[in-house]
Amino acid sequence: MAKHNSNRHARNQRRQTGLARQRWLWIGAALLGVVAVVAAVNFWPRAGASAQLSAARLVSDPSLGPPTAPITLVEYGDFG
C-alpha cells in the first residue's frame, strides 16, 4: 500500500507542477499581448498627424493654412 500511495503522490506533484507551468505560460502570453497592444497604440502612425515643421520654417511662416481661412474664438471663464 505504501508504494501505491507514493506513486499517487508523485503523479499529483507532476500534475500540479504542470498546471503551475501552464498558468505561468498563460500569464506570460497575456502580458506579452498587453505590451504588444500598448506598443501598437503608441507607435502606430496616426491618420491626422501633421508633418513636423522645422524651426526655420516656423520663423519665416508661423501659421498653417491660407491667411484668409475663417476662425472661431471660444472663450472660457470660471468666475465661481
Protein backbone atom coordinates (compact mmCIF):
# COMPACT_ATOMS: atom_id res chain seq x y z
CA MET A 1 0.00 0.00 0.00
CA ALA A 2 2.79 2.45 0.78
CA LYS A 3 4.18 2.13 -2.73
CA HIS A 4 0.75 2.77 -4.25
CA ASN A 5 0.32 5.96 -2.17
CA SER A 6 3.78 7.24 -3.10
CA ASN A 7 3.02 6.74 -6.80
CA ARG A 8 -0.21 8.69 -6.42
CA HIS A 9 1.65 11.44 -4.58
CA ALA A 10 4.27 11.64 -7.33
CA ARG A 11 1.55 11.86 -10.01
CA ASN A 12 -0.20 14.64 -8.08
CA GLN A 13 3.05 16.57 -7.77
CA ARG A 14 3.76 16.25 -11.51
CA ARG A 15 0.23 17.37 -12.33
CA GLN A 16 0.47 20.39 -10.00
CA THR A 17 3.87 21.31 -11.44
CA GLY A 18 2.44 21.06 -14.95
CA LEU A 19 -0.57 23.19 -14.02
CA ALA A 20 1.67 25.82 -12.43
CA ARG A 21 3.86 25.88 -15.55
CA GLN A 22 0.79 26.19 -17.75
CA ARG A 23 -0.55 29.02 -15.58
CA TRP A 24 2.73 30.93 -15.91
CA LEU A 25 2.69 30.43 -19.67
CA TRP A 26 -0.80 31.95 -19.86
CA ILE A 27 0.24 34.87 -17.65
CA GLY A 28 3.33 35.45 -19.82
CA ALA A 29 1.27 35.31 -23.02
CA ALA A 30 -1.27 37.78 -21.60
CA LEU A 31 1.49 40.14 -20.51
CA LEU A 32 3.13 39.91 -23.93
CA GLY A 33 -0.21 40.69 -25.55
CA VAL A 34 -0.72 43.76 -23.37
CA VAL A 35 2.78 45.02 -24.21
CA ALA A 36 2.12 44.48 -27.93
CA VAL A 37 -1.16 46.43 -27.78
CA VAL A 38 0.43 49.33 -25.87
CA ALA A 39 3.33 49.46 -28.34
CA ALA A 40 0.95 49.40 -31.31
CA VAL A 41 -1.14 52.23 -29.88
CA ASN A 42 1.91 54.37 -29.12
CA PHE A 43 3.89 53.80 -32.31
CA TRP A 44 1.19 53.29 -34.96
CA PRO A 45 1.08 56.26 -37.36
CA ARG A 46 -1.99 58.39 -36.83
CA ALA A 47 -4.16 59.47 -39.75
CA GLY A 48 -4.45 63.08 -38.57
CA ALA A 49 -0.81 63.54 -37.63
CA SER A 50 0.67 66.63 -39.23
CA ALA A 51 4.15 66.77 -40.66
CA GLN A 52 6.88 68.04 -38.36
CA LEU A 53 7.91 71.60 -39.13
CA SER A 54 11.47 72.83 -38.84
CA ALA A 55 12.32 75.82 -36.66
CA ALA A 56 13.48 77.83 -39.71
CA ARG A 57 10.12 77.33 -41.40
CA LEU A 58 8.24 78.42 -38.29
CA VAL A 59 10.28 81.63 -38.02
CA SER A 60 9.51 82.67 -41.58
CA ASP A 61 5.90 81.37 -41.69
CA PRO A 62 4.43 80.73 -38.23
CA SER A 63 0.95 79.83 -39.49
CA LEU A 64 -0.55 76.85 -41.26
CA GLY A 65 -3.26 77.12 -43.90
CA PRO A 66 -4.43 80.05 -46.01
CA PRO A 67 -4.31 83.50 -44.43
CA THR A 68 -7.99 84.13 -45.26
CA ALA A 69 -9.28 80.99 -43.52
CA PRO A 70 -12.22 81.60 -41.16
CA ILE A 71 -11.54 81.14 -37.46
CA THR A 72 -13.68 80.75 -34.38
CA LEU A 73 -12.53 82.03 -31.00
CA VAL A 74 -14.04 80.35 -27.99
CA GLU A 75 -13.50 81.95 -24.60
CA TYR A 76 -13.97 80.14 -21.32
CA GLY A 77 -14.29 81.70 -17.93
CA ASP A 78 -14.84 80.36 -14.44
CA PHE A 79 -15.98 83.18 -12.21
CA GLY A 80 -17.40 80.99 -9.46
